[in-house]
């Protein structure tokens, strides 16, 4: 899970995002960030899931859509 969050933060910064913050709750980890266009966004990661390659691809796809907006 930590590696996935590190990779997501790196992907956000590589895409031009900024102000990346991580907040952990009981069931979810939230990644707050500012997109290159200046809008604030959030990525929600469920903490109970096993991190598979498919799950990581899904999160990266969701991240690409959010950064492109």
PDB file of N, CA and C in Angstrom:
ATOM      1  N   UNK A   1       0.819  -1.191   0.000  1.00  0.00           N
ATOM      2  CA  UNK A   1       0.000   0.000   0.000  1.00  0.00           C
ATOM      3  C   UNK A   1       0.865   1.259   0.000  1.00  0.00           C
ATOM      4  N   UNK A   2       1.935   1.271   0.785  1.00  0.00           N
ATOM      5  CA  UNK A   2       2.796   2.453   0.828  1.00  0.00           C
ATOM      6  C   UNK A   2       3.449   2.710  -0.519  1.00  0.00           C
ATOM      7  N   UNK A   3       3.867   1.626  -1.177  1.00  0.00           N
ATOM      8  CA  UNK A   3       4.486   1.782  -2.492  1.00  0.00           C
ATOM      9  C   UNK A   3       3.479   2.354  -3.485  1.00  0.00           C
ATOM     10  N   UNK A   4       2.241   1.910  -3.421  1.00  0.00           N
ATOM     11  CA  UNK A   4       1.204   2.426  -4.307  1.00  0.00           C
ATOM     12  C   UNK A   4       0.998   3.919  -4.079  1.00  0.00           C
ATOM     13  N   UNK A   5       0.925   4.339  -2.819  1.00  0.00           N
ATOM     14  CA  UNK A   5       0.730   5.757  -2.511  1.00  0.00           C
ATOM     15  C   UNK A   5       1.933   6.559  -2.994  1.00  0.00           C
ATOM     16  N   UNK A   6       3.144   6.041  -2.788  1.00  0.00           N
ATOM     17  CA  UNK A   6       4.352   6.731  -3.275  1.00  0.00           C
ATOM     18  C   UNK A   6       4.317   6.883  -4.789  1.00  0.00           C
ATOM     19  N   UNK A   7       3.916   5.832  -5.482  1.00  0.00           N
ATOM     20  CA  UNK A   7       3.833   5.886  -6.941  1.00  0.00           C
ATOM     21  C   UNK A   7       2.781   6.893  -7.402  1.00  0.00           C
ATOM     22  N   UNK A   8       1.655   6.941  -6.707  1.00  0.00           N
ATOM     23  CA  UNK A   8       0.596   7.880  -7.072  1.00  0.00           C
ATOM     24  C   UNK A   8       1.058   9.315  -6.864  1.00  0.00           C
ATOM     25  N   UNK A   9       1.734   9.582  -5.750  1.00  0.00           N
ATOM     26  CA  UNK A   9       2.252  10.929  -5.497  1.00  0.00           C
ATOM     27  C   UNK A   9       3.255  11.306  -6.586  1.00  0.00           C
ATOM     28  N   UNK A  10       4.112  10.378  -6.964  1.00  0.00           N
ATOM     29  CA  UNK A  10       5.067  10.638  -8.043  1.00  0.00           C
ATOM     30  C   UNK A  10       4.370  10.912  -9.363  1.00  0.00           C
ATOM     31  N   UNK A  11       3.320  10.150  -9.662  1.00  0.00           N
ATOM     32  CA  UNK A  11       2.562  10.354 -10.902  1.00  0.00           C
ATOM     33  C   UNK A  11       1.886  11.727 -10.914  1.00  0.00           C
ATOM     34  N   UNK A  12       1.363  12.153  -9.770  1.00  0.00           N
ATOM     35  CA  UNK A  12       0.724  13.475  -9.683  1.00  0.00           C
ATOM     36  C   UNK A  12       1.748  14.560  -9.961  1.00  0.00           C
ATOM     37  N   UNK A  13       2.901  14.466  -9.335  1.00  0.00           N
ATOM     38  CA  UNK A  13       3.940  15.484  -9.535  1.00  0.00           C
ATOM     39  C   UNK A  13       4.480  15.463 -10.957  1.00  0.00           C
ATOM     40  N   UNK A  14       4.626  14.283 -11.544  1.00  0.00           N
ATOM     41  CA  UNK A  14       5.099  14.182 -12.930  1.00  0.00           C
ATOM     42  C   UNK A  14       4.103  14.801 -13.909  1.00  0.00           C
ATOM     43  N   UNK A  15       2.817  14.726 -13.578  1.00  0.00           N
ATOM     44  CA  UNK A  15       1.780  15.276 -14.453  1.00  0.00           C
ATOM     45  C   UNK A  15       1.596  16.778 -14.261  1.00  0.00           C
ATOM     46  N   UNK A  16       2.345  17.381 -13.347  1.00  0.00           N
ATOM     47  CA  UNK A  16       2.245  18.816 -13.139  1.00  0.00           C
ATOM     48  C   UNK A  16       1.380  19.210 -11.962  1.00  0.00           C
ATOM     49  N   UNK A  17       0.924  18.254 -11.181  1.00  0.00           N
ATOM     50  CA  UNK A  17       0.120  18.554 -10.001  1.00  0.00           C
ATOM     51  C   UNK A  17       0.993  19.065  -8.861  1.00  0.00           C
ATOM     52  N   UNK A  18       0.366  19.674  -7.873  1.00  0.00           N
ATOM     53  CA  UNK A  18       1.126  20.215  -6.744  1.00  0.00           C
ATOM     54  C   UNK A  18       0.303  20.089  -5.468  1.00  0.00           C
ATOM     55  N   UNK A  19       0.893  20.526  -4.364  1.00  0.00           N
ATOM     56  CA  UNK A  19       0.235  20.557  -3.052  1.00  0.00           C
ATOM     57  C   UNK A  19      -0.382  19.196  -2.714  1.00  0.00           C
ATOM     58  N   UNK A  20       0.432  18.150  -2.778  1.00  0.00           N
ATOM     59  CA  UNK A  20      -0.048  16.788  -2.534  1.00  0.00           C
ATOM     60  C   UNK A  20      -0.050  16.523  -1.032  1.00  0.00           C
ATOM     61  N   UNK A  21      -1.190  16.106  -0.510  1.00  0.00           N
ATOM     62  CA  UNK A  21      -1.316  15.761   0.903  1.00  0.00           C
ATOM     63  C   UNK A  21      -1.970  14.399   1.030  1.00  0.00           C
ATOM     64  N   UNK A  22      -1.545  13.635   2.020  1.00  0.00           N
ATOM     65  CA  UNK A  22      -2.095  12.306   2.285  1.00  0.00           C
ATOM     66  C   UNK A  22      -2.804  12.352   3.632  1.00  0.00           C
ATOM     67  N   UNK A  23      -4.031  11.850   3.683  1.00  0.00           N
ATOM     68  CA  UNK A  23      -4.725  11.722   4.962  1.00  0.00           C
ATOM     69  C   UNK A  23      -5.259  10.299   5.061  1.00  0.00           C
ATOM     70  N   UNK A  24      -5.042   9.700   6.210  1.00  0.00           N
ATOM     71  CA  UNK A  24      -5.451   8.314   6.416  1.00  0.00           C
ATOM     72  C   UNK A  24      -6.579   8.251   7.424  1.00  0.00           C
ATOM     73  N   UNK A  25      -7.650   7.588   7.032  1.00  0.00           N
ATOM     74  CA  UNK A  25      -8.763   7.347   7.924  1.00  0.00           C
ATOM     75  C   UNK A  25      -8.809   5.881   8.297  1.00  0.00           C
ATOM     76  N   UNK A  26      -9.898   5.460   8.892  1.00  0.00           N
ATOM     77  CA  UNK A  26     -10.023   4.071   9.296  1.00  0.00           C
ATOM     78  C   UNK A  26     -10.158   3.112   8.133  1.00  0.00           C
ATOM     79  N   UNK A  27     -10.896   3.513   7.112  1.00  0.00           N
ATOM     80  CA  UNK A  27     -11.153   2.625   5.981  1.00  0.00           C
ATOM     81  C   UNK A  27     -10.540   3.088   4.667  1.00  0.00           C
ATOM     82  N   UNK A  28     -10.169   4.351   4.580  1.00  0.00           N
ATOM     83  CA  UNK A  28      -9.683   4.886   3.314  1.00  0.00           C
ATOM     84  C   UNK A  28      -8.435   5.738   3.520  1.00  0.00           C
ATOM     85  N   UNK A  29      -7.651   5.827   2.479  1.00  0.00           N
ATOM     86  CA  UNK A  29      -6.545   6.777   2.402  1.00  0.00           C
ATOM     87  C   UNK A  29      -6.923   7.776   1.327  1.00  0.00           C
ATOM     88  N   UNK A  30      -6.840   9.055   1.648  1.00  0.00           N
ATOM     89  CA  UNK A  30      -7.190  10.101   0.692  1.00  0.00           C
ATOM     90  C   UNK A  30      -5.922  10.810   0.243  1.00  0.00           C
ATOM     91  N   UNK A  31      -5.822  11.040  -1.051  1.00  0.00           N
ATOM     92  CA  UNK A  31      -4.711  11.792  -1.616  1.00  0.00           C
ATOM     93  C   UNK A  31      -5.306  13.081  -2.170  1.00  0.00           C
ATOM     94  N   UNK A  32      -5.032  14.199  -1.498  1.00  0.00           N
ATOM     95  CA  UNK A  32      -5.515  15.507  -1.933  1.00  0.00           C
ATOM     96  C   UNK A  32      -4.421  16.152  -2.771  1.00  0.00           C
ATOM     97  N   UNK A  33      -4.804  16.800  -3.866  1.00  0.00           N
ATOM     98  CA  UNK A  33      -3.812  17.462  -4.703  1.00  0.00           C
ATOM     99  C   UNK A  33      -4.471  18.562  -5.521  1.00  0.00           C
ATOM    100  N   UNK A  34      -3.622  19.411  -6.114  1.00  0.00           N
ATOM    101  CA  UNK A  34      -4.082  20.470  -7.002  1.00  0.00           C
ATOM    102  C   UNK A  34      -3.655  20.097  -8.413  1.00  0.00           C
ATOM    103  N   UNK A  35      -4.595  20.088  -9.339  1.00  0.00           N
ATOM    104  CA  UNK A  35      -4.303  19.713 -10.725  1.00  0.00           C
ATOM    105  C   UNK A  35      -3.511  20.828 -11.407  1.00  0.00           C
ATOM    106  N   UNK A  36      -2.913  20.554 -12.565  1.00  0.00           N
ATOM    107  CA  UNK A  36      -2.174  21.599 -13.278  1.00  0.00           C
ATOM    108  C   UNK A  36      -3.035  22.804 -13.652  1.00  0.00           C
ATOM    109  N   UNK A  37      -4.335  22.609 -13.809  1.00  0.00           N
ATOM    110  CA  UNK A  37      -5.221  23.734 -14.139  1.00  0.00           C
ATOM    111  C   UNK A  37      -5.603  24.554 -12.912  1.00  0.00           C
ATOM    112  N   UNK A  38      -5.221  24.100 -11.718  1.00  0.00           N
ATOM    113  CA  UNK A  38      -5.464  24.867 -10.504  1.00  0.00           C
ATOM    114  C   UNK A  38      -6.656  24.416  -9.681  1.00  0.00           C
ATOM    115  N   UNK A  39      -7.372  23.387 -10.111  1.00  0.00           N
ATOM    116  CA  UNK A  39      -8.513  22.905  -9.336  1.00  0.00           C
ATOM    117  C   UNK A  39      -8.054  21.871  -8.308  1.00  0.00           C
ATOM    118  N   UNK A  40      -8.725  21.871  -7.180  1.00  0.00           N
ATOM    119  CA  UNK A  40      -8.404  20.903  -6.135  1.00  0.00           C
ATOM    120  C   UNK A  40      -9.138  19.601  -6.415  1.00  0.00           C
ATOM    121  N   UNK A  41      -8.458  18.491  -6.154  1.00  0.00           N
ATOM    122  CA  UNK A  41      -9.059  17.189  -6.409  1.00  0.00           C
ATOM    123  C   UNK A  41      -8.620  16.211  -5.330  1.00  0.00           C
ATOM    124  N   UNK A  42      -9.264  15.045  -5.304  1.00  0.00           N
ATOM    125  CA  UNK A  42      -8.952  14.042  -4.300  1.00  0.00           C
ATOM    126  C   UNK A  42      -9.082  12.658  -4.922  1.00  0.00           C
ATOM    127  N   UNK A  43      -8.205  11.772  -4.510  1.00  0.00           N
ATOM    128  CA  UNK A  43      -8.245  10.378  -4.936  1.00  0.00           C
ATOM    129  C   UNK A  43      -8.460   9.537  -3.688  1.00  0.00           C
ATOM    130  N   UNK A  44      -9.468   8.679  -3.705  1.00  0.00           N
ATOM    131  CA  UNK A  44      -9.833   7.870  -2.549  1.00  0.00           C
ATOM    132  C   UNK A  44      -9.367   6.436  -2.766  1.00  0.00           C
ATOM    133  N   UNK A  45      -8.580   5.904  -1.825  1.00  0.00           N
ATOM    134  CA  UNK A  45      -8.060   4.541  -1.922  1.00  0.00           C
ATOM    135  C   UNK A  45      -8.605   3.753  -0.743  1.00  0.00           C
ATOM    136  N   UNK A  46      -9.313   2.680  -1.029  1.00  0.00           N
ATOM    137  CA  UNK A  46      -9.847   1.831   0.033  1.00  0.00           C
ATOM    138  C   UNK A  46      -8.708   1.042   0.662  1.00  0.00           C
ATOM    139  N   UNK A  47      -8.583   1.075   1.978  1.00  0.00           N
ATOM    140  CA  UNK A  47      -7.445   0.461   2.654  1.00  0.00           C
ATOM    141  C   UNK A  47      -7.577  -1.043   2.810  1.00  0.00           C
ATOM    142  N   UNK A  48      -8.761  -1.587   2.674  1.00  0.00           N
ATOM    143  CA  UNK A  48      -8.946  -3.006   2.918  1.00  0.00           C
ATOM    144  C   UNK A  48      -8.649  -3.889   1.719  1.00  0.00           C
ATOM    145  N   UNK A  49      -8.398  -3.287   0.567  1.00  0.00           N
ATOM    146  CA  UNK A  49      -8.203  -4.091  -0.633  1.00  0.00           C
ATOM    147  C   UNK A  49      -6.766  -4.559  -0.745  1.00  0.00           C
ATOM    148  N   UNK A  50      -6.599  -5.731  -1.325  1.00  0.00           N
ATOM    149  CA  UNK A  50      -5.256  -6.192  -1.660  1.00  0.00           C
ATOM    150  C   UNK A  50      -4.803  -5.401  -2.876  1.00  0.00           C
ATOM    151  N   UNK A  51      -3.595  -4.908  -2.816  1.00  0.00           N
ATOM    152  CA  UNK A  51      -3.099  -4.083  -3.913  1.00  0.00           C
ATOM    153  C   UNK A  51      -2.585  -4.997  -5.014  1.00  0.00           C
ATOM    154  N   UNK A  52      -3.406  -5.176  -6.019  1.00  0.00           N
ATOM    155  CA  UNK A  52      -3.017  -5.989  -7.168  1.00  0.00           C
ATOM    156  C   UNK A  52      -2.635  -5.055  -8.312  1.00  0.00           C
ATOM    157  N   UNK A  53      -2.072  -5.623  -9.354  1.00  0.00           N
ATOM    158  CA  UNK A  53      -1.709  -4.800 -10.513  1.00  0.00           C
ATOM    159  C   UNK A  53      -2.954  -4.189 -11.141  1.00  0.00           C
ATOM    160  N   UNK A  54      -4.033  -4.944 -11.133  1.00  0.00           N
ATOM    161  CA  UNK A  54      -5.281  -4.441 -11.711  1.00  0.00           C
ATOM    162  C   UNK A  54      -5.809  -3.253 -10.911  1.00  0.00           C
ATOM    163  N   UNK A  55      -5.756  -3.333  -9.596  1.00  0.00           N
ATOM    164  CA  UNK A  55      -6.226  -2.244  -8.737  1.00  0.00           C
ATOM    165  C   UNK A  55      -5.354  -1.007  -8.935  1.00  0.00           C
ATOM    166  N   UNK A  56      -4.042  -1.201  -9.031  1.00  0.00           N
ATOM    167  CA  UNK A  56      -3.129  -0.079  -9.245  1.00  0.00           C
ATOM    168  C   UNK A  56      -3.395   0.585 -10.596  1.00  0.00           C
ATOM    169  N   UNK A  57      -3.655  -0.219 -11.635  1.00  0.00           N
ATOM    170  CA  UNK A  57      -3.975   0.343 -12.954  1.00  0.00           C
ATOM    171  C   UNK A  57      -5.264   1.147 -12.902  1.00  0.00           C
ATOM    172  N   UNK A  58      -6.253   0.663 -12.154  1.00  0.00           N
ATOM    173  CA  UNK A  58      -7.512   1.375 -12.036  1.00  0.00           C
ATOM    174  C   UNK A  58      -7.297   2.741 -11.386  1.00  0.00           C
ATOM    175  N   UNK A  59      -6.493   2.785 -10.328  1.00  0.00           N
ATOM    176  CA  UNK A  59      -6.235   4.053  -9.652  1.00  0.00           C
ATOM    177  C   UNK A  59      -5.464   5.016 -10.546  1.00  0.00           C
ATOM    178  N   UNK A  60      -4.489   4.500 -11.292  1.00  0.00           N
ATOM    179  CA  UNK A  60      -3.725   5.371 -12.194  1.00  0.00           C
ATOM    180  C   UNK A  60      -4.609   5.918 -13.309  1.00  0.00           C
ATOM    181  N   UNK A  61      -5.525   5.110 -13.802  1.00  0.00           N
ATOM    182  CA  UNK A  61      -6.460   5.564 -14.829  1.00  0.00           C
ATOM    183  C   UNK A  61      -7.367   6.661 -14.275  1.00  0.00           C
ATOM    184  N   UNK A  62      -7.856   6.465 -13.068  1.00  0.00           N
ATOM    185  CA  UNK A  62      -8.696   7.469 -12.417  1.00  0.00           C
ATOM    186  C   UNK A  62      -7.904   8.755 -12.209  1.00  0.00           C
ATOM    187  N   UNK A  63      -6.645   8.628 -11.819  1.00  0.00           N
ATOM    188  CA  UNK A  63      -5.791   9.791 -11.602  1.00  0.00           C
ATOM    189  C   UNK A  63      -5.576  10.556 -12.907  1.00  0.00           C
ATOM    190  N   UNK A  64      -5.316   9.837 -13.999  1.00  0.00           N
ATOM    191  CA  UNK A  64      -5.116  10.503 -15.296  1.00  0.00           C
ATOM    192  C   UNK A  64      -6.354  11.295 -15.707  1.00  0.00           C
ATOM    193  N   UNK A  65      -7.534  10.736 -15.473  1.00  0.00           N
ATOM    194  CA  UNK A  65      -8.769  11.457 -15.806  1.00  0.00           C
ATOM    195  C   UNK A  65      -8.917  12.716 -14.965  1.00  0.00           C
ATOM    196  N   UNK A  66      -8.598  12.624 -13.679  1.00  0.00           N
ATOM    197  CA  UNK A  66      -8.738  13.785 -12.798  1.00  0.00           C
ATOM    198  C   UNK A  66      -7.737  14.879 -13.147  1.00  0.00           C
ATOM    199  N   UNK A  67      -6.507  14.503 -13.485  1.00  0.00           N
ATOM    200  CA  UNK A  67      -5.483  15.495 -13.814  1.00  0.00           C
ATOM    201  C   UNK A  67      -5.794  16.152 -15.157  1.00  0.00           C
ATOM    202  N   UNK A  68      -6.408  15.422 -16.072  1.00  0.00           N
ATOM    203  CA  UNK A  68      -6.710  15.959 -17.401  1.00  0.00           C
ATOM    204  C   UNK A  68      -7.860  16.963 -17.385  1.00  0.00           C
ATOM    205  N   UNK A  69      -8.676  16.979 -16.361  1.00  0.00           N
ATOM    206  CA  UNK A  69      -9.838  17.878 -16.311  1.00  0.00           C
ATOM    207  C   UNK A  69      -9.426  19.314 -16.168  1.00  0.00           C
TER     208      UNK A  69
END
